[in-house]
C-alpha atoms as a PDB file:
ATOM      1  CA  MET A   1       2.188 -20.765  -4.072  1.00  0.00           C
ATOM      2  CA  THR A   2      -0.802 -19.311  -2.205  1.00  0.00           C
ATOM      3  CA  VAL A   3       0.079 -17.638   1.106  1.00  0.00           C
ATOM      4  CA  GLN A   4      -2.292 -18.423   3.983  1.00  0.00           C
ATOM      5  CA  ARG A   5      -3.409 -15.023   5.220  1.00  0.00           C
ATOM      6  CA  ILE A   6      -4.216 -14.335   8.865  1.00  0.00           C
ATOM      7  CA  PRO A   7      -7.628 -12.650   9.241  1.00  0.00           C
ATOM      8  CA  ILE A   8      -7.360  -9.764  11.690  1.00  0.00           C
ATOM      9  CA  ILE A   9      -9.357  -6.874  13.122  1.00  0.00           C
ATOM     10  CA  ILE A  10      -7.306  -3.813  14.040  1.00  0.00           C
ATOM     11  CA  ASP A  11      -8.735  -1.801  16.931  1.00  0.00           C
ATOM     12  CA  THR A  12      -6.951   1.533  16.895  1.00  0.00           C
ATOM     13  CA  ASP A  13      -6.684   5.210  17.841  1.00  0.00           C
ATOM     14  CA  PRO A  14      -4.633   6.792  15.020  1.00  0.00           C
ATOM     15  CA  GLY A  15      -2.066   8.193  16.043  1.00  0.00           C
ATOM     16  CA  ILE A  16       1.115   8.426  14.003  1.00  0.00           C
ATOM     17  CA  ASP A  17       2.601   5.074  14.961  1.00  0.00           C
ATOM     18  CA  ASP A  18      -0.882   3.576  14.438  1.00  0.00           C
ATOM     19  CA  ALA A  19      -0.739   4.917  10.878  1.00  0.00           C
ATOM     20  CA  VAL A  20       2.528   3.055  10.264  1.00  0.00           C
ATOM     21  CA  ALA A  21       1.085  -0.172  11.709  1.00  0.00           C
ATOM     22  CA  ILE A  22      -2.076   0.141   9.600  1.00  0.00           C
ATOM     23  CA  GLY A  23      -0.057   0.841   6.462  1.00  0.00           C
ATOM     24  CA  VAL A  24       2.069  -2.271   6.924  1.00  0.00           C
ATOM     25  CA  ALA A  25      -0.912  -4.481   7.838  1.00  0.00           C
ATOM     26  CA  LEU A  26      -2.984  -3.396   4.836  1.00  0.00           C
ATOM     27  CA  HIS A  27      -0.160  -4.263   2.439  1.00  0.00           C
ATOM     28  CA  HIS A  28       1.279  -7.380   4.045  1.00  0.00           C
ATOM     29  CA  GLU A  29       0.764 -10.548   2.023  1.00  0.00           C
ATOM     30  CA  GLU A  30       0.279 -12.659   5.172  1.00  0.00           C
ATOM     31  CA  LEU A  31      -2.464 -10.496   6.680  1.00  0.00           C
ATOM     32  CA  GLU A  32      -6.076  -9.850   5.768  1.00  0.00           C
ATOM     33  CA  VAL A  33      -7.467  -6.810   7.574  1.00  0.00           C
ATOM     34  CA  LYS A  34     -11.201  -7.515   7.801  1.00  0.00           C
ATOM     35  CA  LEU A  35     -12.155  -4.415   9.798  1.00  0.00           C
ATOM     36  CA  ILE A  36     -10.629  -1.350  11.404  1.00  0.00           C
ATOM     37  CA  SER A  37     -12.433  -0.280  14.573  1.00  0.00           C
ATOM     38  CA  THR A  38     -11.667   2.995  16.304  1.00  0.00           C
ATOM     39  CA  VAL A  39     -11.577   4.104  19.917  1.00  0.00           C
ATOM     40  CA  ALA A  40     -10.893   7.276  21.879  1.00  0.00           C
ATOM     41  CA  GLY A  41      -7.229   7.308  22.785  1.00  0.00           C
ATOM     42  CA  ASN A  42      -4.441   9.391  21.314  1.00  0.00           C
ATOM     43  CA  VAL A  43      -7.170  11.837  20.277  1.00  0.00           C
ATOM     44  CA  ASP A  44     -10.968  11.730  20.555  1.00  0.00           C
ATOM     45  CA  VAL A  45     -12.944   9.071  18.702  1.00  0.00           C
ATOM     46  CA  ASP A  46     -14.241  11.451  16.034  1.00  0.00           C
ATOM     47  CA  LYS A  47     -10.657  12.288  15.113  1.00  0.00           C
ATOM     48  CA  THR A  48      -9.384   8.704  15.326  1.00  0.00           C
ATOM     49  CA  THR A  49     -12.246   7.575  13.093  1.00  0.00           C
ATOM     50  CA  ASN A  50     -11.603  10.331  10.590  1.00  0.00           C
ATOM     51  CA  ASN A  51      -7.905   9.448  10.603  1.00  0.00           C
ATOM     52  CA  ALA A  52      -8.634   5.767   9.975  1.00  0.00           C
ATOM     53  CA  LEU A  53     -10.898   6.678   7.054  1.00  0.00           C
ATOM     54  CA  LYS A  54      -8.202   8.947   5.629  1.00  0.00           C
ATOM     55  CA  LEU A  55      -5.616   6.168   5.851  1.00  0.00           C
ATOM     56  CA  VAL A  56      -7.849   3.601   4.144  1.00  0.00           C
ATOM     57  CA  GLN A  57      -8.519   6.111   1.378  1.00  0.00           C
ATOM     58  CA  PHE A  58      -4.834   7.053   1.053  1.00  0.00           C
ATOM     59  CA  PHE A  59      -3.869   3.397   0.684  1.00  0.00           C
ATOM     60  CA  ASP A  60      -6.688   2.865  -1.835  1.00  0.00           C
ATOM     61  CA  LYS A  61      -8.218   0.033   0.192  1.00  0.00           C
ATOM     62  CA  PHE A  62     -11.824  -0.892   0.852  1.00  0.00           C
ATOM     63  CA  THR A  63     -11.404  -2.050   4.443  1.00  0.00           C
ATOM     64  CA  PRO A  64     -14.486  -1.048   6.481  1.00  0.00           C
ATOM     65  CA  VAL A  65     -14.016   1.392   9.370  1.00  0.00           C
ATOM     66  CA  ALA A  66     -16.332   1.341  12.394  1.00  0.00           C
ATOM     67  CA  ARG A  67     -16.525   4.053  15.059  1.00  0.00           C
ATOM     68  CA  GLY A  68     -16.208   2.748  18.596  1.00  0.00           C
ATOM     69  CA  ALA A  69     -16.140   3.897  22.206  1.00  0.00           C
ATOM     70  CA  SER A  70     -15.837   7.623  22.884  1.00  0.00           C
ATOM     71  CA  LYS A  71     -14.730   7.252  26.506  1.00  0.00           C
ATOM     72  CA  PRO A  72     -13.290   4.660  28.894  1.00  0.00           C
ATOM     73  CA  LEU A  73     -15.499   2.298  30.899  1.00  0.00           C
ATOM     74  CA  CYS A  74     -15.112   4.022  34.258  1.00  0.00           C
ATOM     75  CA  THR A  75     -12.490   6.749  34.244  1.00  0.00           C
ATOM     76  CA  GLU A  76     -12.182  10.202  32.703  1.00  0.00           C
ATOM     77  CA  TYR A  77     -10.877  10.313  29.139  1.00  0.00           C
ATOM     78  CA  GLU A  78      -7.309  11.625  28.826  1.00  0.00           C
ATOM     79  CA  ASP A  79      -5.803  11.965  25.364  1.00  0.00           C
ATOM     80  CA  SER A  80      -2.213  11.815  24.130  1.00  0.00           C
ATOM     81  CA  SER A  81      -2.272  14.640  21.612  1.00  0.00           C
ATOM     82  CA  ARG A  82       0.997  15.988  23.026  1.00  0.00           C
ATOM     83  CA  ILE A  83       2.660  13.030  21.289  1.00  0.00           C
ATOM     84  CA  HIS A  84       0.681  12.904  18.033  1.00  0.00           C
ATOM     85  CA  GLY A  85      -0.519  16.469  17.531  1.00  0.00           C
ATOM     86  CA  GLU A  86      -3.955  18.032  17.733  1.00  0.00           C
ATOM     87  CA  SER A  87      -5.438  15.979  14.889  1.00  0.00           C
ATOM     88  CA  GLY A  88      -3.632  12.791  15.865  1.00  0.00           C
ATOM     89  CA  MET A  89      -1.837  12.775  12.525  1.00  0.00           C
ATOM     90  CA  ASP A  90      -0.368  16.261  12.244  1.00  0.00           C
ATOM     91  CA  GLY A  91       2.132  16.947   9.491  1.00  0.00           C
ATOM     92  CA  TYR A  92       0.429  15.717   6.321  1.00  0.00           C
ATOM     93  CA  GLU A  93      -2.521  17.194   4.450  1.00  0.00           C
ATOM     94  CA  PHE A  94      -4.746  14.219   3.680  1.00  0.00           C
ATOM     95  CA  PRO A  95      -7.686  14.768   1.317  1.00  0.00           C
ATOM     96  CA  GLU A  96     -11.036  14.854   3.078  1.00  0.00           C
ATOM     97  CA  ALA A  97     -12.189  11.314   3.763  1.00  0.00           C
ATOM     98  CA  LYS A  98     -15.008  10.293   1.432  1.00  0.00           C
ATOM     99  CA  ALA A  99     -15.414   6.670   2.443  1.00  0.00           C
ATOM    100  CA  ALA A 100     -18.597   5.812   4.326  1.00  0.00           C
ATOM    101  CA  ILE A 101     -18.265   4.713   7.910  1.00  0.00           C
ATOM    102  CA  HIS A 102     -19.702   1.352   8.987  1.00  0.00           C
ATOM    103  CA  GLN A 103     -23.331   1.789  10.060  1.00  0.00           C
ATOM    104  CA  GLU A 104     -22.878  -0.239  13.250  1.00  0.00           C
ATOM    105  CA  HIS A 105     -21.025   0.753  16.399  1.00  0.00           C
ATOM    106  CA  ALA A 106     -17.582  -0.859  16.351  1.00  0.00           C
ATOM    107  CA  VAL A 107     -18.456  -3.374  19.060  1.00  0.00           C
ATOM    108  CA  ASN A 108     -21.474  -4.590  17.084  1.00  0.00           C
ATOM    109  CA  ALA A 109     -19.482  -4.541  13.839  1.00  0.00           C
ATOM    110  CA  ILE A 110     -16.795  -6.728  15.403  1.00  0.00           C
ATOM    111  CA  ARG A 111     -19.422  -9.132  16.706  1.00  0.00           C
ATOM    112  CA  GLN A 112     -21.081  -9.413  13.313  1.00  0.00           C
ATOM    113  CA  LEU A 113     -17.798 -10.084  11.582  1.00  0.00           C
ATOM    114  CA  LEU A 114     -16.728 -12.705  14.119  1.00  0.00           C
ATOM    115  CA  MET A 115     -20.020 -14.567  14.092  1.00  0.00           C
ATOM    116  CA  ASN A 116     -20.238 -14.575  10.283  1.00  0.00           C
ATOM    117  CA  SER A 117     -16.639 -15.553   9.653  1.00  0.00           C
ATOM    118  CA  GLU A 118     -15.870 -19.065   8.423  1.00  0.00           C
ATOM    119  CA  GLU A 119     -12.636 -19.026  10.413  1.00  0.00           C
ATOM    120  CA  LYS A 120     -11.532 -17.611  13.726  1.00  0.00           C
ATOM    121  CA  VAL A 121     -10.209 -14.058  13.670  1.00  0.00           C
ATOM    122  CA  THR A 122      -7.280 -12.481  15.536  1.00  0.00           C
ATOM    123  CA  LEU A 123      -7.953  -9.195  17.340  1.00  0.00           C
ATOM    124  CA  VAL A 124      -5.123  -6.658  17.225  1.00  0.00           C
ATOM    125  CA  PRO A 125      -5.862  -3.778  19.625  1.00  0.00           C
ATOM    126  CA  ILE A 126      -3.226  -1.031  19.365  1.00  0.00           C
ATOM    127  CA  GLY A 127      -5.101   1.560  21.429  1.00  0.00           C
ATOM    128  CA  PRO A 128      -7.041   1.532  24.713  1.00  0.00           C
ATOM    129  CA  LEU A 129      -8.958  -1.726  25.190  1.00  0.00           C
ATOM    130  CA  THR A 130     -12.445  -0.273  25.675  1.00  0.00           C
ATOM    131  CA  ASN A 131     -14.030  -1.793  22.558  1.00  0.00           C
ATOM    132  CA  ILE A 132     -12.557  -5.227  23.206  1.00  0.00           C
ATOM    133  CA  ALA A 133     -13.712  -5.253  26.832  1.00  0.00           C
ATOM    134  CA  LEU A 134     -17.225  -4.234  25.774  1.00  0.00           C
ATOM    135  CA  LEU A 135     -17.277  -6.974  23.148  1.00  0.00           C
ATOM    136  CA  LEU A 136     -16.268  -9.648  25.662  1.00  0.00           C
ATOM    137  CA  SER A 137     -18.732  -8.365  28.279  1.00  0.00           C
ATOM    138  CA  LEU A 138     -21.755  -7.898  26.012  1.00  0.00           C
ATOM    139  CA  TYR A 139     -21.251 -10.799  23.617  1.00  0.00           C
ATOM    140  CA  PRO A 140     -19.634 -13.791  25.353  1.00  0.00           C
ATOM    141  CA  GLU A 141     -20.587 -15.956  22.353  1.00  0.00           C
ATOM    142  CA  CYS A 142     -17.743 -14.227  20.521  1.00  0.00           C
ATOM    143  CA  TYR A 143     -15.124 -15.892  22.729  1.00  0.00           C
ATOM    144  CA  PHE A 144     -15.271 -18.989  20.575  1.00  0.00           C
ATOM    145  CA  ARG A 145     -14.781 -17.000  17.364  1.00  0.00           C
ATOM    146  CA  ILE A 146     -11.564 -15.260  18.486  1.00  0.00           C
ATOM    147  CA  GLU A 147      -8.303 -16.966  17.534  1.00  0.00           C
ATOM    148  CA  ARG A 148      -6.226 -14.819  19.881  1.00  0.00           C
ATOM    149  CA  ILE A 149      -5.576 -11.236  20.978  1.00  0.00           C
ATOM    150  CA  VAL A 150      -2.251  -9.578  20.150  1.00  0.00           C
ATOM    151  CA  LEU A 151      -2.233  -6.170  21.813  1.00  0.00           C
ATOM    152  CA  MET A 152       0.146  -3.257  22.050  1.00  0.00           C
ATOM    153  CA  GLY A 153       0.145  -2.037  25.611  1.00  0.00           C
ATOM    154  CA  GLY A 154       1.516  -2.472  29.074  1.00  0.00           C
ATOM    155  CA  SER A 155       5.007  -2.965  30.400  1.00  0.00           C
ATOM    156  CA  ALA A 156       6.917  -5.202  32.778  1.00  0.00           C
ATOM    157  CA  ASN A 157       9.304  -2.391  33.731  1.00  0.00           C
ATOM    158  CA  GLY A 158       7.774   1.067  34.082  1.00  0.00           C
ATOM    159  CA  GLY A 159       5.520   3.337  32.081  1.00  0.00           C
ATOM    160  CA  ASN A 160       5.543   6.124  29.511  1.00  0.00           C
ATOM    161  CA  HIS A 161       2.405   8.011  30.551  1.00  0.00           C
ATOM    162  CA  THR A 162       2.978   7.796  34.286  1.00  0.00           C
ATOM    163  CA  GLN A 163       5.950   6.456  36.202  1.00  0.00           C
ATOM    164  CA  THR A 164       4.516   2.946  36.119  1.00  0.00           C
ATOM    165  CA  ALA A 165       1.765   2.869  33.463  1.00  0.00           C
ATOM    166  CA  GLU A 166       1.855   2.623  29.679  1.00  0.00           C
ATOM    167  CA  TYR A 167      -0.684   4.904  27.979  1.00  0.00           C
ATOM    168  CA  ASN A 168      -3.023   2.357  26.322  1.00  0.00           C
ATOM    169  CA  ILE A 169      -3.550   0.529  29.622  1.00  0.00           C
ATOM    170  CA  PHE A 170      -3.687   3.712  31.703  1.00  0.00           C
ATOM    171  CA  ALA A 171      -6.356   5.124  29.378  1.00  0.00           C
ATOM    172  CA  ASP A 172      -8.824   2.381  30.379  1.00  0.00           C
ATOM    173  CA  PRO A 173      -7.430   0.065  33.069  1.00  0.00           C
ATOM    174  CA  GLU A 174     -10.794  -1.530  33.835  1.00  0.00           C
ATOM    175  CA  ALA A 175     -11.099  -2.570  30.197  1.00  0.00           C
ATOM    176  CA  ALA A 176      -7.548  -3.925  30.192  1.00  0.00           C
ATOM    177  CA  LYS A 177      -8.292  -5.965  33.317  1.00  0.00           C
ATOM    178  CA  ILE A 178     -11.253  -7.589  31.538  1.00  0.00           C
ATOM    179  CA  VAL A 179      -9.090  -8.520  28.554  1.00  0.00           C
ATOM    180  CA  PHE A 180      -6.200  -9.975  30.544  1.00  0.00           C
ATOM    181  CA  SER A 181      -8.574 -11.999  32.731  1.00  0.00           C
ATOM    182  CA  SER A 182     -10.664 -13.238  29.777  1.00  0.00           C
ATOM    183  CA  GLY A 183      -9.041 -16.658  29.499  1.00  0.00           C
ATOM    184  CA  LEU A 184      -8.348 -16.017  25.810  1.00  0.00           C
ATOM    185  CA  ASP A 185      -4.940 -16.457  24.194  1.00  0.00           C
ATOM    186  CA  VAL A 186      -3.436 -13.000  24.861  1.00  0.00           C
ATOM    187  CA  THR A 187      -0.045 -11.665  23.783  1.00  0.00           C
ATOM    188  CA  MET A 188       1.183  -8.389  25.299  1.00  0.00           C
ATOM    189  CA  VAL A 189       3.572  -6.408  23.120  1.00  0.00           C
ATOM    190  CA  GLY A 190       4.546  -3.685  25.561  1.00  0.00           C
ATOM    191  CA  LEU A 191       7.127  -1.005  26.225  1.00  0.00           C
ATOM    192  CA  ASP A 192       9.797  -3.582  27.022  1.00  0.00           C
ATOM    193  CA  VAL A 193      10.133  -4.143  23.280  1.00  0.00           C
ATOM    194  CA  THR A 194       8.356  -1.192  21.659  1.00  0.00           C
ATOM    195  CA  SER A 195      10.662   1.395  23.257  1.00  0.00           C
ATOM    196  CA  LYS A 196      13.618  -0.415  21.687  1.00  0.00           C
ATOM    197  CA  ALA A 197      11.947  -0.855  18.291  1.00  0.00           C
ATOM    198  CA  THR A 198      13.031   2.453  16.813  1.00  0.00           C
ATOM    199  CA  LEU A 199      13.578   3.679  13.287  1.00  0.00           C
ATOM    200  CA  THR A 200      16.926   5.440  12.903  1.00  0.00           C
ATOM    201  CA  PRO A 201      17.404   8.635  10.891  1.00  0.00           C
ATOM    202  CA  ASP A 202      18.825   6.510   8.059  1.00  0.00           C
ATOM    203  CA  ASN A 203      15.768   4.231   8.187  1.00  0.00           C
ATOM    204  CA  VAL A 204      13.455   7.229   8.015  1.00  0.00           C
ATOM    205  CA  ILE A 205      15.262   8.647   4.960  1.00  0.00           C
ATOM    206  CA  ALA A 206      15.145   5.234   3.266  1.00  0.00           C
ATOM    207  CA  ILE A 207      11.394   5.012   3.935  1.00  0.00           C
ATOM    208  CA  ARG A 208      10.830   8.569   2.641  1.00  0.00           C
ATOM    209  CA  ASP A 209      12.545   7.823  -0.654  1.00  0.00           C
ATOM    210  CA  GLN A 210      10.711   4.551  -1.384  1.00  0.00           C
ATOM    211  CA  ASN A 211       7.220   5.682  -2.417  1.00  0.00           C
ATOM    212  CA  GLU A 212       4.277   7.979  -1.700  1.00  0.00           C
ATOM    213  CA  THR A 213       3.616   6.192   1.576  1.00  0.00           C
ATOM    214  CA  GLY A 214       7.164   6.950   2.659  1.00  0.00           C
ATOM    215  CA  LYS A 215       6.742  10.634   1.839  1.00  0.00           C
ATOM    216  CA  MET A 216       3.488  10.757   3.796  1.00  0.00           C
ATOM    217  CA  MET A 217       5.015   9.033   6.820  1.00  0.00           C
ATOM    218  CA  TYR A 218       8.099  11.227   6.703  1.00  0.00           C
ATOM    219  CA  SER A 219       5.809  14.244   6.977  1.00  0.00           C
ATOM    220  CA  LEU A 220       4.023  12.698   9.959  1.00  0.00           C
ATOM    221  CA  PHE A 221       7.330  11.834  11.604  1.00  0.00           C
ATOM    222  CA  GLN A 222       8.234  15.537  11.735  1.00  0.00           C
ATOM    223  CA  HIS A 223       5.418  15.965  14.272  1.00  0.00           C
ATOM    224  CA  TYR A 224       5.769  12.702  16.210  1.00  0.00           C
ATOM    225  CA  ARG A 225       7.009  12.964  19.789  1.00  0.00           C
ATOM    226  CA  GLY A 226       7.555   9.248  20.327  1.00  0.00           C
ATOM    227  CA  GLY A 227      11.318   9.616  20.373  1.00  0.00           C
ATOM    228  CA  SER A 228      12.946  11.963  17.854  1.00  0.00           C
ATOM    229  CA  LEU A 229      14.349  12.004  14.351  1.00  0.00           C
ATOM    230  CA  LYS A 230      17.831  12.329  15.881  1.00  0.00           C
ATOM    231  CA  THR A 231      17.657   9.554  18.480  1.00  0.00           C
ATOM    232  CA  GLY A 232      15.155   7.239  16.786  1.00  0.00           C
ATOM    233  CA  LEU A 233      11.361   7.068  16.465  1.00  0.00           C
ATOM    234  CA  LYS A 234       9.555   4.476  18.590  1.00  0.00           C
ATOM    235  CA  MET A 235       7.327   2.219  16.515  1.00  0.00           C
ATOM    236  CA  HIS A 236       5.122   1.011  19.359  1.00  0.00           C
ATOM    237  CA  ASP A 237       2.089  -0.173  17.401  1.00  0.00           C
ATOM    238  CA  LEU A 238       4.035  -1.626  14.496  1.00  0.00           C
ATOM    239  CA  CYS A 239       5.489  -4.168  16.939  1.00  0.00           C
ATOM    240  CA  ALA A 240       2.085  -5.830  17.304  1.00  0.00           C
ATOM    241  CA  ILE A 241       1.931  -6.301  13.530  1.00  0.00           C
ATOM    242  CA  ALA A 242       5.505  -7.591  13.517  1.00  0.00           C
ATOM    243  CA  TYR A 243       4.641 -10.190  16.143  1.00  0.00           C
ATOM    244  CA  LEU A 244       1.859 -11.574  13.961  1.00  0.00           C
ATOM    245  CA  VAL A 245       4.114 -12.325  10.996  1.00  0.00           C
ATOM    246  CA  LYS A 246       7.645 -12.408  12.498  1.00  0.00           C
ATOM    247  CA  PRO A 247       7.307 -13.795  16.033  1.00  0.00           C
ATOM    248  CA  GLU A 248      10.920 -14.972  15.870  1.00  0.00           C
ATOM    249  CA  LEU A 249      11.977 -11.333  16.323  1.00  0.00           C
ATOM    250  CA  PHE A 250      10.749 -11.453  19.918  1.00  0.00           C
ATOM    251  CA  THR A 251      11.815 -13.043  23.183  1.00  0.00           C
ATOM    252  CA  THR A 252       8.695 -13.976  25.151  1.00  0.00           C
ATOM    253  CA  LYS A 253       7.655 -15.498  28.445  1.00  0.00           C
ATOM    254  CA  LYS A 254       4.313 -16.828  29.671  1.00  0.00           C
ATOM    255  CA  CYS A 255       3.360 -14.834  32.762  1.00  0.00           C
ATOM    256  CA  PHE A 256       0.424 -13.980  34.963  1.00  0.00           C
ATOM    257  CA  VAL A 257      -0.583 -10.396  34.127  1.00  0.00           C
ATOM    258  CA  ASP A 258      -3.081  -8.221  35.983  1.00  0.00           C
ATOM    259  CA  VAL A 259      -3.886  -4.509  35.927  1.00  0.00           C
ATOM    260  CA  GLU A 260      -3.892  -2.122  38.884  1.00  0.00           C
ATOM    261  CA  THR A 261      -7.153  -0.180  38.888  1.00  0.00           C
ATOM    262  CA  ALA A 262      -7.173   1.402  42.362  1.00  0.00           C
ATOM    263  CA  GLY A 263      -3.703   2.724  43.196  1.00  0.00           C
ATOM    264  CA  ALA A 264      -3.427   6.491  43.594  1.00  0.00           C
ATOM    265  CA  TYR A 265      -0.016   6.484  41.893  1.00  0.00           C
ATOM    266  CA  THR A 266      -0.046   3.130  40.104  1.00  0.00           C
ATOM    267  CA  ARG A 267      -3.418   3.073  38.331  1.00  0.00           C
ATOM    268  CA  GLY A 268      -3.045   1.455  34.919  1.00  0.00           C
ATOM    269  CA  THR A 269       0.100  -0.448  35.807  1.00  0.00           C
ATOM    270  CA  THR A 270       0.419  -3.933  34.343  1.00  0.00           C
ATOM    271  CA  ILE A 271       1.577  -6.392  36.997  1.00  0.00           C
ATOM    272  CA  VAL A 272       3.761  -8.874  35.110  1.00  0.00           C
ATOM    273  CA  ASP A 273       4.637 -11.715  37.462  1.00  0.00           C
ATOM    274  CA  GLN A 274       7.822 -13.013  35.837  1.00  0.00           C
ATOM    275  CA  LYS A 275       8.933 -14.866  39.000  1.00  0.00           C
ATOM    276  CA  ASN A 276       5.540 -16.430  39.810  1.00  0.00           C
ATOM    277  CA  ARG A 277       5.357 -14.714  43.182  1.00  0.00           C
ATOM    278  CA  TYR A 278       1.554 -14.616  43.104  1.00  0.00           C
ATOM    279  CA  GLN A 279       1.278 -18.332  42.317  1.00  0.00           C
ATOM    280  CA  GLN A 280      -1.309 -17.640  39.613  1.00  0.00           C
ATOM    281  CA  PRO A 281      -1.549 -19.527  36.304  1.00  0.00           C
ATOM    282  CA  PRO A 282       0.082 -17.665  33.395  1.00  0.00           C
ATOM    283  CA  ASN A 283      -2.528 -15.879  31.287  1.00  0.00           C
ATOM    284  CA  THR A 284      -0.418 -13.867  28.842  1.00  0.00           C
ATOM    285  CA  THR A 285       2.503 -14.298  26.481  1.00  0.00           C
ATOM    286  CA  VAL A 286       4.651 -11.269  27.327  1.00  0.00           C
ATOM    287  CA  CYS A 287       7.189  -9.881  24.852  1.00  0.00           C
ATOM    288  CA  LEU A 288      10.329  -8.966  26.778  1.00  0.00           C
ATOM    289  CA  ASP A 289      12.969  -8.357  24.105  1.00  0.00           C
ATOM    290  CA  ILE A 290      13.301  -7.787  20.356  1.00  0.00           C
ATOM    291  CA  ASP A 291      15.945  -8.118  17.647  1.00  0.00           C
ATOM    292  CA  VAL A 292      16.082  -4.403  16.879  1.00  0.00           C
ATOM    293  CA  GLU A 293      18.209  -4.517  13.731  1.00  0.00           C
ATOM    294  CA  ALA A 294      16.088  -7.262  12.187  1.00  0.00           C
ATOM    295  CA  PHE A 295      12.937  -5.310  13.095  1.00  0.00           C
ATOM    296  CA  ARG A 296      14.247  -2.195  11.345  1.00  0.00           C
ATOM    297  CA  MET A 297      15.103  -4.120   8.184  1.00  0.00           C
ATOM    298  CA  TRP A 298      11.667  -5.753   8.227  1.00  0.00           C
ATOM    299  CA  ALA A 299       9.851  -2.417   8.718  1.00  0.00           C
ATOM    300  CA  VAL A 300      11.642  -0.686   5.846  1.00  0.00           C
ATOM    301  CA  LYS A 301      10.995  -3.671   3.564  1.00  0.00           C
ATOM    302  CA  CYS A 302       7.305  -3.835   4.486  1.00  0.00           C
ATOM    303  CA  LEU A 303       6.748  -0.133   3.836  1.00  0.00           C
ATOM    304  CA  ALA A 304       8.370  -0.528   0.412  1.00  0.00           C
ATOM    305  CA  ALA A 305       5.399  -2.735  -0.525  1.00  0.00           C
ATOM    306  CA  ALA A 306       2.931   0.120   0.014  1.00  0.00           C
ATOM    307  CA  ARG A 307       1.857   2.551  -2.697  1.00  0.00           C
END
């Protein structure tokens, strides 16, 4: 029986949890990763691009990688290397990336792929939303070629980078505002679920002992500051991949979502109107809870399918 694969573009800023998400997506039988586009986020865009190329090479795939935006639309760039290390993927010595980068800027590469595709494509941004906002602003003809957007970012209940803002949204709030107000089918997989979606120490050992991918990820996990090996490692970006293929893991609600771009203390906050106080039409499917045990079992199983 032939499995119908979902064509996706991953827009990313690797990042240790990005590496896990990319590894699962590249090996999942229900997904077809058509392009990996990179953006400045956890570390600068040169490093995120190099990391993406290293991952594609490690997994022995031929997925094209396109370098994207080097800074946010309006604000100063602020990285998250304190979480992921100086390189973005500290802890494992990858061979030097030999794969050629896509000749086009990521935004143009995404446009080309969308316009030439015989079917609509799902965008999966798991970093700041700069590239996606530029795509929607520069090439409105692409709206009709996008199936939906499933993004990792935001929160209905507090932040991880500031008191109220999640990092991916904080990093480029103007871009996030464009995406949420686009009128496209948007799903927000935010901290409400990703902070719960942890891998336990037993999960990490099981992953390590499965294959070469597990050994590589175990090395990265030693340097990851998204949780800890004792209390559990937060698999933020992997949740977006999980939603694509296992939406039943999640409890969701359609809500109006907007992004604060002006507040001195609240810039980058996602306003998730669960009680319809603003009387605005819902524009986002918001993930609010997750079956943690089922997620862990799924993650370990998926990583077993890698090399």
